[in-house]
Amino acid sequence: MARESGETLATVNRAVTMLEMLGTSGPLNLSQIADRMEIGKATASRMLQTLVARDWVVRSADRTYRLGPGVLGLAMWKAPQQHLIGDLRPILDALHDTTGETIHLTRLDGRYVVYVEQIVSQLPVRSAAVIGARSPAHCVSPGLAQLSHLPAEQLAWFLSTPLKRYTPASTTNPEELRRKLETVRERGYAVNLGGYRPDVGGVGAAVVDHNSQLVAGISVCAPVYRLATMDLDSLGVLVSDAASEASRLLDKAASPHG
């Protein structure tokens, strides 16, 4: 047992060292990583495969490795995010109590949303995320809701590269996505039915500040089969109202007069 514990600790130390090295040196190839860490290429390759699978490291087309969005997800726990979570927790709790489903708080990060907080449903069949994990923004409801509030130039950047198809329900045509986002913006909420994971969907809305600047996304996440039995318009209004209340609460907290 002691030997296994020691080996596990050594592996963790190596992984942390690898991340710190990539964070300070920039992109490196496999040989450079192995040489700098004084470990075999096979060992370095196995570690990198694990880190890539968790999005902590990204492998580029030139076969170099760099820090990935999973590390950025962990950064979400710094002070500004902690305040955001603390301020909005009562609204998330209320939405969870009303729906009984999993509630997510996310932030848009490039072409993805990062999960910064969640309240998991207690129902036997439920959906959940990993805090710090990411999902493609164009395939999930909180991502669609936040994309609908991007300025034109930022949306143009988002649409400038091919949209990956994850399921038959994924929207991959740029003009079709643009039209969908216009609808989302008009009605105040987005609906996803299996766009990223075939059996998982949700209803999301964007939280904006008093200057209409994007802050976060709030969403209800549930199995698609259960969403199919719900009044999605009513659920959408419920989520949209929660996002609006979150916006008011954040504005009040930011006000010098409280």
Protein backbone atom coordinates (compact mmCIF):
# COMPACT_ATOMS: atom_id res chain seq x y z
CA MET A 1 0.00 0.00 0.00
CA ALA A 2 2.81 2.42 0.95
CA ARG A 3 4.62 1.62 -2.31
CA GLU A 4 1.47 2.27 -4.38
CA SER A 5 0.90 5.54 -2.51
CA GLY A 6 4.46 6.62 -3.21
CA GLU A 7 4.17 5.77 -6.91
CA THR A 8 0.89 7.70 -7.17
CA LEU A 9 2.45 10.74 -5.50
CA ALA A 10 5.43 10.58 -7.86
CA THR A 11 3.10 10.46 -10.87
CA VAL A 12 1.13 13.46 -9.61
CA ASN A 13 4.35 15.39 -9.01
CA ARG A 14 5.52 14.62 -12.53
CA ALA A 15 2.19 15.76 -14.01
CA VAL A 16 2.32 19.04 -12.06
CA THR A 17 5.95 19.56 -13.12
CA MET A 18 4.97 18.97 -16.75
CA LEU A 19 2.15 21.51 -16.56
CA GLU A 20 4.37 24.09 -14.87
CA MET A 21 7.04 23.56 -17.51
CA LEU A 22 4.59 24.04 -20.39
CA GLY A 23 3.19 27.10 -18.65
CA THR A 24 6.59 28.79 -18.46
CA SER A 25 8.34 27.56 -21.60
CA GLY A 26 5.52 27.54 -24.14
CA PRO A 27 4.94 24.77 -26.73
CA LEU A 28 7.36 21.81 -26.64
CA ASN A 29 7.57 18.55 -28.54
CA LEU A 30 7.70 15.11 -26.94
CA SER A 31 11.49 14.80 -27.05
CA GLN A 32 11.98 18.23 -25.48
CA ILE A 33 9.54 17.43 -22.69
CA ALA A 34 11.14 14.08 -21.95
CA ASP A 35 14.65 15.58 -21.96
CA ARG A 36 13.78 18.48 -19.69
CA MET A 37 11.99 16.23 -17.22
CA GLU A 38 14.68 13.55 -17.49
CA ILE A 39 12.16 10.79 -18.11
CA GLY A 40 11.68 8.32 -20.94
CA LYS A 41 9.72 9.30 -24.02
CA ALA A 42 7.26 6.45 -23.43
CA THR A 43 6.51 7.72 -19.91
CA ALA A 44 6.18 11.30 -21.12
CA SER A 45 3.88 10.17 -23.94
CA ARG A 46 1.56 8.32 -21.53
CA MET A 47 1.36 11.33 -19.23
CA LEU A 48 0.66 13.66 -22.14
CA GLN A 49 -2.09 11.38 -23.46
CA THR A 50 -3.82 11.56 -20.07
CA LEU A 51 -3.47 15.34 -19.84
CA VAL A 52 -4.70 15.80 -23.42
CA ALA A 53 -7.74 13.60 -22.68
CA ARG A 54 -8.63 15.90 -19.77
CA ASP A 55 -8.04 19.08 -21.85
CA TRP A 56 -5.19 20.17 -19.57
CA VAL A 57 -2.81 19.97 -22.50
CA VAL A 58 -3.42 20.48 -26.23
CA ARG A 59 -1.44 18.74 -29.01
CA SER A 60 -0.95 21.02 -32.00
CA ALA A 61 -0.67 20.07 -35.66
CA ASP A 62 3.12 20.53 -35.51
CA ARG A 63 3.24 17.84 -32.77
CA THR A 64 4.06 20.29 -29.99
CA TYR A 65 2.18 20.45 -26.71
CA ARG A 66 0.86 23.48 -24.83
CA LEU A 67 -1.45 24.20 -21.91
CA GLY A 68 -5.11 23.54 -22.69
CA PRO A 69 -8.47 25.03 -21.66
CA GLY A 70 -8.80 22.65 -18.72
CA VAL A 71 -6.13 24.67 -16.93
CA LEU A 72 -8.05 27.83 -17.77
CA GLY A 73 -11.09 26.19 -16.23
CA LEU A 74 -9.29 25.82 -12.93
CA ALA A 75 -8.40 29.50 -13.05
CA MET A 76 -12.12 30.21 -12.90
CA TRP A 77 -11.92 29.53 -9.17
CA LYS A 78 -9.94 32.67 -8.49
CA ALA A 79 -11.46 35.57 -6.58
CA PRO A 80 -13.65 37.17 -9.29
CA GLN A 81 -15.26 33.82 -10.06
CA GLN A 82 -15.72 33.03 -6.39
CA HIS A 83 -17.63 36.28 -5.97
CA LEU A 84 -19.74 35.50 -9.02
CA ILE A 85 -20.62 32.06 -7.69
CA GLY A 86 -21.35 33.38 -4.22
CA ASP A 87 -23.56 36.19 -5.51
CA LEU A 88 -25.58 33.95 -7.82
CA ARG A 89 -25.85 30.85 -5.66
CA PRO A 90 -29.30 31.76 -4.23
CA ILE A 91 -30.67 32.11 -7.77
CA LEU A 92 -29.17 28.79 -8.82
CA ASP A 93 -30.62 27.14 -5.70
CA ALA A 94 -34.07 28.54 -6.41
CA LEU A 95 -33.99 27.33 -10.01
CA HIS A 96 -32.92 23.89 -8.85
CA ASP A 97 -35.68 23.75 -6.24
CA THR A 98 -38.28 24.71 -8.84
CA THR A 99 -37.18 22.34 -11.61
CA GLY A 100 -35.54 19.49 -9.74
CA GLU A 101 -32.97 19.32 -12.56
CA THR A 102 -29.23 20.00 -12.71
CA ILE A 103 -28.36 23.71 -12.84
CA HIS A 104 -25.16 25.01 -14.44
CA LEU A 105 -23.34 28.32 -14.22
CA THR A 106 -20.91 28.77 -17.12
CA ARG A 107 -18.58 31.34 -18.65
CA LEU A 108 -17.86 31.72 -22.35
CA ASP A 109 -14.18 31.06 -23.09
CA GLY A 110 -13.36 31.40 -26.77
CA ARG A 111 -15.31 28.73 -28.63
CA TYR A 112 -16.28 26.87 -25.48
CA VAL A 113 -18.18 27.33 -22.26
CA VAL A 114 -16.45 26.45 -18.99
CA TYR A 115 -18.50 25.06 -16.10
CA VAL A 116 -17.81 27.08 -12.95
CA GLU A 117 -20.63 25.87 -10.71
CA GLN A 118 -23.41 23.30 -10.72
CA ILE A 119 -26.18 21.94 -8.55
CA VAL A 120 -26.78 18.33 -9.49
CA SER A 121 -30.29 16.90 -9.72
CA GLN A 122 -31.26 14.26 -7.19
CA LEU A 123 -33.40 12.38 -9.70
CA PRO A 124 -32.27 8.80 -10.47
CA VAL A 125 -31.44 9.67 -14.11
CA ARG A 126 -29.64 12.99 -14.28
CA SER A 127 -27.02 15.00 -16.12
CA ALA A 128 -23.90 16.48 -14.56
CA ALA A 129 -20.66 18.15 -15.62
CA VAL A 130 -17.15 18.39 -14.20
CA ILE A 131 -16.30 21.80 -12.77
CA GLY A 132 -13.64 23.33 -15.00
CA ALA A 133 -14.63 21.15 -17.96
CA ARG A 134 -15.71 22.70 -21.24
CA SER A 135 -18.31 22.13 -23.93
CA PRO A 136 -18.47 23.56 -27.47
CA ALA A 137 -20.51 26.75 -27.25
CA HIS A 138 -22.47 26.16 -30.45
CA CYS A 139 -23.80 22.81 -29.20
CA VAL A 140 -25.11 23.55 -25.68
CA SER A 141 -27.83 25.87 -24.43
CA PRO A 142 -25.71 28.13 -22.18
CA GLY A 143 -23.23 28.50 -25.02
CA LEU A 144 -25.90 29.44 -27.53
CA ALA A 145 -27.38 31.93 -25.08
CA GLN A 146 -24.01 33.60 -24.51
CA LEU A 147 -23.08 33.59 -28.19
CA SER A 148 -26.32 35.44 -28.91
CA HIS A 149 -25.00 38.39 -26.89
CA LEU A 150 -21.60 38.67 -28.57
CA PRO A 151 -20.76 41.86 -30.49
CA ALA A 152 -20.81 41.40 -34.27
CA GLU A 153 -17.02 41.26 -34.65
CA GLN A 154 -16.65 38.60 -31.95
CA LEU A 155 -19.40 36.50 -33.46
CA ALA A 156 -17.73 36.83 -36.87
CA TRP A 157 -14.52 35.49 -35.32
CA PHE A 158 -16.44 32.58 -33.79
CA LEU A 159 -17.98 31.72 -37.15
CA SER A 160 -14.69 32.08 -39.04
CA THR A 161 -13.67 28.44 -38.47
CA PRO A 162 -15.67 25.27 -39.22
CA LEU A 163 -18.26 24.30 -36.63
CA LYS A 164 -17.67 20.72 -35.53
CA ARG A 165 -20.54 18.23 -35.66
CA TYR A 166 -20.83 16.11 -32.52
CA THR A 167 -24.28 14.64 -33.11
CA PRO A 168 -26.92 14.81 -35.86
CA ALA A 169 -28.49 17.65 -33.84
CA SER A 170 -25.36 19.84 -33.94
CA THR A 171 -25.66 23.07 -35.90
CA THR A 172 -22.67 23.31 -38.23
CA ASN A 173 -23.82 25.77 -40.90
CA PRO A 174 -22.64 29.30 -39.97
CA GLU A 175 -25.68 31.07 -41.42
CA GLU A 176 -28.05 28.62 -39.77
CA LEU A 177 -26.31 29.22 -36.46
CA ARG A 178 -26.49 32.97 -36.95
CA ARG A 179 -30.26 32.73 -37.51
CA LYS A 180 -30.62 30.51 -34.47
CA LEU A 181 -28.74 33.02 -32.33
CA GLU A 182 -31.02 35.83 -33.51
CA THR A 183 -34.01 33.79 -32.33
CA VAL A 184 -32.30 33.10 -29.01
CA ARG A 185 -31.60 36.77 -28.49
CA GLU A 186 -35.20 37.74 -29.30
CA ARG A 187 -36.90 35.25 -26.99
CA GLY A 188 -34.29 35.38 -24.21
CA TYR A 189 -33.29 31.73 -23.95
CA ALA A 190 -31.75 28.87 -25.92
CA VAL A 191 -32.87 25.26 -26.20
CA ASN A 192 -30.56 22.33 -26.92
CA LEU A 193 -31.81 18.80 -27.50
CA GLY A 194 -28.82 16.52 -27.95
CA GLY A 195 -26.53 18.91 -29.79
CA TYR A 196 -23.37 17.83 -27.96
CA ARG A 197 -24.31 14.58 -26.23
CA PRO A 198 -27.18 12.70 -27.93
CA ASP A 199 -29.07 12.01 -24.71
CA VAL A 200 -28.46 15.32 -22.93
CA GLY A 201 -30.07 18.71 -23.47
CA GLY A 202 -30.92 21.91 -21.70
CA VAL A 203 -32.39 25.38 -21.64
CA GLY A 204 -30.06 28.32 -21.02
CA ALA A 205 -30.04 32.10 -20.78
CA ALA A 206 -27.29 34.73 -20.65
CA VAL A 207 -26.47 36.92 -17.67
CA VAL A 208 -25.40 40.42 -18.73
CA ASP A 209 -24.41 43.55 -16.83
CA HIS A 210 -25.97 47.00 -17.00
CA ASN A 211 -23.92 47.73 -20.12
CA SER A 212 -25.27 44.57 -21.80
CA GLN A 213 -21.81 43.02 -21.49
CA LEU A 214 -21.79 39.25 -21.21
CA VAL A 215 -21.09 37.90 -17.73
CA ALA A 216 -22.19 34.25 -17.60
CA GLY A 217 -24.77 31.69 -18.59
CA ILE A 218 -27.37 29.93 -16.45
CA SER A 219 -28.94 26.71 -17.65
CA VAL A 220 -31.13 23.78 -16.72
CA CYS A 221 -29.63 20.50 -17.91
CA ALA A 222 -31.58 17.23 -18.18
CA PRO A 223 -31.90 14.02 -20.19
CA VAL A 224 -33.48 14.66 -23.59
CA TYR A 225 -36.27 12.16 -22.96
CA ARG A 226 -37.37 14.16 -19.91
CA LEU A 227 -37.06 17.52 -21.64
CA ALA A 228 -39.35 16.17 -24.37
CA THR A 229 -42.15 15.92 -21.81
CA MET A 230 -41.74 19.48 -20.54
CA ASP A 231 -43.22 22.79 -21.65
CA LEU A 232 -39.95 24.21 -22.95
CA ASP A 233 -41.39 27.68 -23.49
CA SER A 234 -42.38 27.88 -19.82
CA LEU A 235 -39.02 26.47 -18.76
CA GLY A 236 -37.28 28.98 -21.02
CA VAL A 237 -39.13 31.89 -19.42
CA LEU A 238 -38.21 30.51 -15.99
CA VAL A 239 -34.51 30.35 -16.89
CA SER A 240 -34.62 33.74 -18.61
CA ASP A 241 -36.20 35.31 -15.53
CA ALA A 242 -33.50 33.74 -13.36
CA ALA A 243 -30.79 35.20 -15.62
CA SER A 244 -32.45 38.62 -15.50
CA GLU A 245 -32.61 38.45 -11.71
CA ALA A 246 -28.93 37.48 -11.68
CA SER A 247 -28.13 40.53 -13.82
CA ARG A 248 -30.01 42.80 -11.41
CA LEU A 249 -28.30 41.24 -8.41
CA LEU A 250 -24.83 41.67 -9.89
CA ASP A 251 -25.57 45.30 -10.82
CA LYS A 252 -26.73 45.96 -7.29
CA ALA A 253 -23.61 44.33 -5.84
CA ALA A 254 -21.43 46.46 -8.13
CA SER A 255 -23.19 49.68 -7.23
CA PRO A 256 -21.26 51.92 -4.79
CA HIS A 257 -24.52 52.39 -2.91
CA GLY A 258 -25.20 48.66 -2.67
